[in-house]
Amino acid sequence: LREERGVSGWTLLQFLGDAVLVPAGAPHQVQSLAGTISVEQRFLSPESTARLRDRGRHLPGAAHQLHAQLDSMIFSAVREAVEVLQGCK
């Protein structure tokens, strides 16, 4: 990839107590050198949700499922925001 696209990789060693944050959309690969327990959290910001929803209209197949999930996420976020605002009266 370095020669073709100018993309280079990183190698790091993670030790006990270390956390690694991989930016959304960044491809990554993990190689465990010993038995490990992995905890992963996927976070989708409201801004990314709206952008993905708009792009999803042009994707075939699984896009309909993605669209439905994103609609549900947007609806839940708006409902929660309205509830918070109503509590501020």
N, C-alpha and C. Protein backbone atom coordinates (compact mmCIF):
# COMPACT_ATOMS: atom_id res chain seq x y z
N LEU A 1 0.81 -1.20 0.00
CA LEU A 1 0.00 0.00 0.00
C LEU A 1 0.85 1.26 0.00
N ARG A 2 2.01 1.17 0.59
CA ARG A 2 2.87 2.35 0.66
C ARG A 2 3.24 2.83 -0.74
N GLU A 3 3.64 1.91 -1.60
CA GLU A 3 4.05 2.28 -2.96
C GLU A 3 2.84 2.68 -3.81
N GLU A 4 1.74 1.94 -3.68
CA GLU A 4 0.57 2.19 -4.52
C GLU A 4 -0.22 3.43 -4.12
N ARG A 5 -0.44 3.61 -2.82
CA ARG A 5 -1.33 4.67 -2.35
C ARG A 5 -0.72 5.64 -1.35
N GLY A 6 0.54 5.41 -0.99
CA GLY A 6 1.16 6.29 -0.01
C GLY A 6 0.67 6.07 1.41
N VAL A 7 0.11 4.89 1.67
CA VAL A 7 -0.44 4.57 2.98
C VAL A 7 0.55 3.67 3.72
N SER A 8 0.88 4.04 4.93
CA SER A 8 1.77 3.19 5.72
C SER A 8 1.07 2.80 7.02
N GLY A 9 1.50 1.68 7.56
CA GLY A 9 0.88 1.17 8.78
C GLY A 9 1.67 1.52 10.02
N TRP A 10 1.07 1.28 11.15
CA TRP A 10 1.70 1.49 12.45
C TRP A 10 1.74 0.15 13.17
N THR A 11 2.76 -0.05 13.93
CA THR A 11 2.85 -1.22 14.79
C THR A 11 3.01 -0.72 16.21
N LEU A 12 2.24 -1.27 17.13
CA LEU A 12 2.39 -0.87 18.52
C LEU A 12 2.21 -2.08 19.43
N LEU A 13 2.83 -2.01 20.58
CA LEU A 13 2.65 -3.03 21.60
C LEU A 13 1.78 -2.42 22.70
N GLN A 14 0.75 -3.14 23.05
CA GLN A 14 -0.16 -2.69 24.09
C GLN A 14 0.12 -3.51 25.35
N PHE A 15 0.30 -2.82 26.47
CA PHE A 15 0.60 -3.48 27.73
C PHE A 15 -0.58 -3.34 28.69
N LEU A 16 -0.52 -4.08 29.77
CA LEU A 16 -1.57 -4.07 30.78
C LEU A 16 -1.92 -2.63 31.17
N GLY A 17 -3.18 -2.30 31.10
CA GLY A 17 -3.64 -0.96 31.44
C GLY A 17 -3.67 0.02 30.28
N ASP A 18 -3.10 -0.35 29.16
CA ASP A 18 -3.11 0.53 27.97
C ASP A 18 -4.43 0.41 27.24
N ALA A 19 -4.86 1.50 26.66
CA ALA A 19 -6.04 1.52 25.79
C ALA A 19 -5.61 2.07 24.44
N VAL A 20 -6.22 1.56 23.39
CA VAL A 20 -5.92 2.02 22.04
C VAL A 20 -7.22 2.51 21.42
N LEU A 21 -7.19 3.73 20.93
CA LEU A 21 -8.35 4.30 20.26
C LEU A 21 -8.07 4.30 18.76
N VAL A 22 -8.91 3.60 18.02
CA VAL A 22 -8.80 3.55 16.57
C VAL A 22 -9.90 4.44 16.02
N PRO A 23 -9.56 5.47 15.25
CA PRO A 23 -10.58 6.38 14.72
C PRO A 23 -11.63 5.65 13.87
N ALA A 24 -12.84 6.15 13.93
CA ALA A 24 -13.93 5.55 13.16
C ALA A 24 -13.57 5.46 11.69
N GLY A 25 -13.84 4.31 11.11
CA GLY A 25 -13.59 4.12 9.69
C GLY A 25 -12.17 3.73 9.35
N ALA A 26 -11.28 3.72 10.34
CA ALA A 26 -9.89 3.37 10.06
C ALA A 26 -9.73 1.85 10.03
N PRO A 27 -9.24 1.32 8.94
CA PRO A 27 -9.01 -0.13 8.91
C PRO A 27 -7.90 -0.48 9.89
N HIS A 28 -8.06 -1.62 10.55
CA HIS A 28 -7.02 -2.04 11.50
C HIS A 28 -7.01 -3.56 11.61
N GLN A 29 -5.91 -4.05 12.11
CA GLN A 29 -5.71 -5.48 12.29
C GLN A 29 -5.07 -5.69 13.64
N VAL A 30 -5.46 -6.76 14.32
CA VAL A 30 -4.93 -7.04 15.64
C VAL A 30 -4.30 -8.42 15.65
N GLN A 31 -3.11 -8.53 16.23
CA GLN A 31 -2.47 -9.82 16.42
C GLN A 31 -2.16 -9.95 17.91
N SER A 32 -2.75 -10.94 18.54
CA SER A 32 -2.52 -11.15 19.96
C SER A 32 -1.28 -12.02 20.15
N LEU A 33 -0.38 -11.57 21.00
CA LEU A 33 0.84 -12.32 21.27
C LEU A 33 0.66 -13.28 22.44
N ALA A 34 -0.42 -13.14 23.19
CA ALA A 34 -0.74 -14.00 24.32
C ALA A 34 -2.25 -14.05 24.46
N GLY A 35 -2.75 -14.92 25.32
CA GLY A 35 -4.18 -14.98 25.56
C GLY A 35 -4.69 -13.64 26.07
N THR A 36 -5.74 -13.14 25.48
CA THR A 36 -6.23 -11.81 25.85
C THR A 36 -7.75 -11.81 25.95
N ILE A 37 -8.25 -10.80 26.59
CA ILE A 37 -9.68 -10.50 26.59
C ILE A 37 -9.81 -9.14 25.94
N SER A 38 -10.60 -9.07 24.91
CA SER A 38 -10.77 -7.82 24.17
C SER A 38 -12.14 -7.23 24.47
N VAL A 39 -12.16 -5.95 24.73
CA VAL A 39 -13.42 -5.22 24.93
C VAL A 39 -13.48 -4.16 23.85
N GLU A 40 -14.54 -4.20 23.09
CA GLU A 40 -14.67 -3.28 21.97
C GLU A 40 -15.96 -2.48 22.11
N GLN A 41 -15.87 -1.22 21.82
CA GLN A 41 -17.05 -0.36 21.84
C GLN A 41 -17.12 0.37 20.51
N ARG A 42 -18.21 0.21 19.84
CA ARG A 42 -18.40 0.94 18.59
C ARG A 42 -19.28 2.15 18.88
N PHE A 43 -18.80 3.30 18.48
CA PHE A 43 -19.52 4.54 18.73
C PHE A 43 -19.84 5.20 17.40
N LEU A 44 -21.06 5.62 17.26
CA LEU A 44 -21.48 6.31 16.04
C LEU A 44 -22.05 7.66 16.45
N SER A 45 -21.37 8.72 16.09
CA SER A 45 -21.82 10.06 16.47
C SER A 45 -23.07 10.43 15.70
N PRO A 46 -23.87 11.34 16.24
CA PRO A 46 -25.08 11.78 15.51
C PRO A 46 -24.75 12.37 14.14
N GLU A 47 -23.61 13.07 14.04
CA GLU A 47 -23.24 13.65 12.74
C GLU A 47 -22.95 12.55 11.72
N SER A 48 -22.23 11.53 12.14
CA SER A 48 -21.92 10.43 11.24
C SER A 48 -23.18 9.65 10.87
N THR A 49 -24.09 9.53 11.82
CA THR A 49 -25.34 8.81 11.56
C THR A 49 -26.11 9.46 10.43
N ALA A 50 -26.27 10.76 10.48
CA ALA A 50 -27.00 11.46 9.43
C ALA A 50 -26.30 11.33 8.08
N ARG A 51 -24.97 11.42 8.08
CA ARG A 51 -24.22 11.30 6.83
C ARG A 51 -24.35 9.89 6.25
N LEU A 52 -24.24 8.87 7.10
CA LEU A 52 -24.39 7.49 6.63
C LEU A 52 -25.80 7.22 6.12
N ARG A 53 -26.78 7.81 6.80
CA ARG A 53 -28.16 7.62 6.37
C ARG A 53 -28.35 8.16 4.95
N ASP A 54 -27.80 9.32 4.68
CA ASP A 54 -27.92 9.91 3.35
C ASP A 54 -27.21 9.07 2.30
N ARG A 55 -26.03 8.55 2.63
CA ARG A 55 -25.30 7.70 1.69
C ARG A 55 -25.99 6.36 1.48
N GLY A 56 -26.66 5.86 2.50
CA GLY A 56 -27.30 4.56 2.44
C GLY A 56 -28.36 4.44 1.36
N ARG A 57 -28.88 5.55 0.92
CA ARG A 57 -29.92 5.52 -0.12
C ARG A 57 -29.38 5.03 -1.45
N HIS A 58 -28.07 5.10 -1.63
CA HIS A 58 -27.47 4.72 -2.90
C HIS A 58 -26.77 3.37 -2.85
N LEU A 59 -26.91 2.67 -1.72
CA LEU A 59 -26.25 1.37 -1.58
C LEU A 59 -27.27 0.24 -1.74
N PRO A 60 -26.87 -0.85 -2.40
CA PRO A 60 -27.79 -1.98 -2.58
C PRO A 60 -27.82 -2.89 -1.36
N GLY A 61 -28.72 -3.84 -1.37
CA GLY A 61 -28.75 -4.93 -0.40
C GLY A 61 -28.92 -4.53 1.04
N ALA A 62 -27.86 -4.68 1.81
CA ALA A 62 -27.90 -4.46 3.26
C ALA A 62 -28.18 -3.01 3.61
N ALA A 63 -28.18 -2.13 2.63
CA ALA A 63 -28.42 -0.71 2.91
C ALA A 63 -29.80 -0.49 3.52
N HIS A 64 -30.77 -1.29 3.14
CA HIS A 64 -32.12 -1.11 3.70
C HIS A 64 -32.12 -1.40 5.20
N GLN A 65 -31.37 -2.41 5.61
CA GLN A 65 -31.26 -2.72 7.03
C GLN A 65 -30.50 -1.61 7.75
N LEU A 66 -29.42 -1.14 7.15
CA LEU A 66 -28.67 -0.03 7.71
C LEU A 66 -29.56 1.20 7.86
N HIS A 67 -30.34 1.46 6.83
CA HIS A 67 -31.25 2.61 6.83
C HIS A 67 -32.22 2.53 7.99
N ALA A 68 -32.80 1.34 8.21
CA ALA A 68 -33.76 1.17 9.30
C ALA A 68 -33.09 1.35 10.66
N GLN A 69 -31.89 0.83 10.82
CA GLN A 69 -31.17 0.98 12.08
C GLN A 69 -30.83 2.45 12.33
N LEU A 70 -30.40 3.14 11.30
CA LEU A 70 -30.05 4.55 11.46
C LEU A 70 -31.29 5.39 11.77
N ASP A 71 -32.41 5.08 11.10
CA ASP A 71 -33.66 5.79 11.41
C ASP A 71 -34.02 5.62 12.87
N SER A 72 -33.87 4.40 13.38
CA SER A 72 -34.19 4.12 14.78
C SER A 72 -33.25 4.89 15.71
N MET A 73 -31.96 4.93 15.37
CA MET A 73 -30.99 5.66 16.19
C MET A 73 -31.30 7.15 16.21
N ILE A 74 -31.62 7.70 15.05
CA ILE A 74 -31.94 9.13 14.97
C ILE A 74 -33.19 9.44 15.77
N PHE A 75 -34.22 8.60 15.62
CA PHE A 75 -35.46 8.80 16.35
C PHE A 75 -35.21 8.76 17.85
N SER A 76 -34.43 7.78 18.32
CA SER A 76 -34.15 7.66 19.75
C SER A 76 -33.38 8.87 20.26
N ALA A 77 -32.42 9.35 19.49
CA ALA A 77 -31.64 10.51 19.91
C ALA A 77 -32.51 11.76 19.99
N VAL A 78 -33.39 11.94 19.03
CA VAL A 78 -34.28 13.11 19.04
C VAL A 78 -35.25 13.01 20.21
N ARG A 79 -35.80 11.82 20.44
CA ARG A 79 -36.74 11.64 21.56
C ARG A 79 -36.06 11.96 22.88
N GLU A 80 -34.82 11.47 23.06
CA GLU A 80 -34.10 11.75 24.30
C GLU A 80 -33.80 13.23 24.44
N ALA A 81 -33.44 13.89 23.35
CA ALA A 81 -33.16 15.33 23.41
C ALA A 81 -34.42 16.11 23.79
N VAL A 82 -35.55 15.73 23.22
CA VAL A 82 -36.81 16.41 23.56
C VAL A 82 -37.15 16.20 25.03
N GLU A 83 -36.96 15.01 25.54
CA GLU A 83 -37.22 14.74 26.96
C GLU A 83 -36.34 15.61 27.86
N VAL A 84 -35.08 15.76 27.49
CA VAL A 84 -34.17 16.60 28.26
C VAL A 84 -34.63 18.05 28.24
N LEU A 85 -35.01 18.52 27.06
CA LEU A 85 -35.47 19.91 26.93
C LEU A 85 -36.77 20.13 27.71
N GLN A 86 -37.66 19.15 27.69
CA GLN A 86 -38.90 19.30 28.45
C GLN A 86 -38.64 19.36 29.95
N GLY A 87 -37.59 18.68 30.39
CA GLY A 87 -37.22 18.71 31.81
C GLY A 87 -36.61 20.03 32.24
N CYS A 88 -36.26 20.88 31.30
CA CYS A 88 -35.63 22.15 31.60
C CYS A 88 -36.65 23.27 31.83
N LYS A 89 -37.93 22.98 31.73
CA LYS A 89 -38.95 24.02 31.88
C LYS A 89 -38.96 24.59 33.27
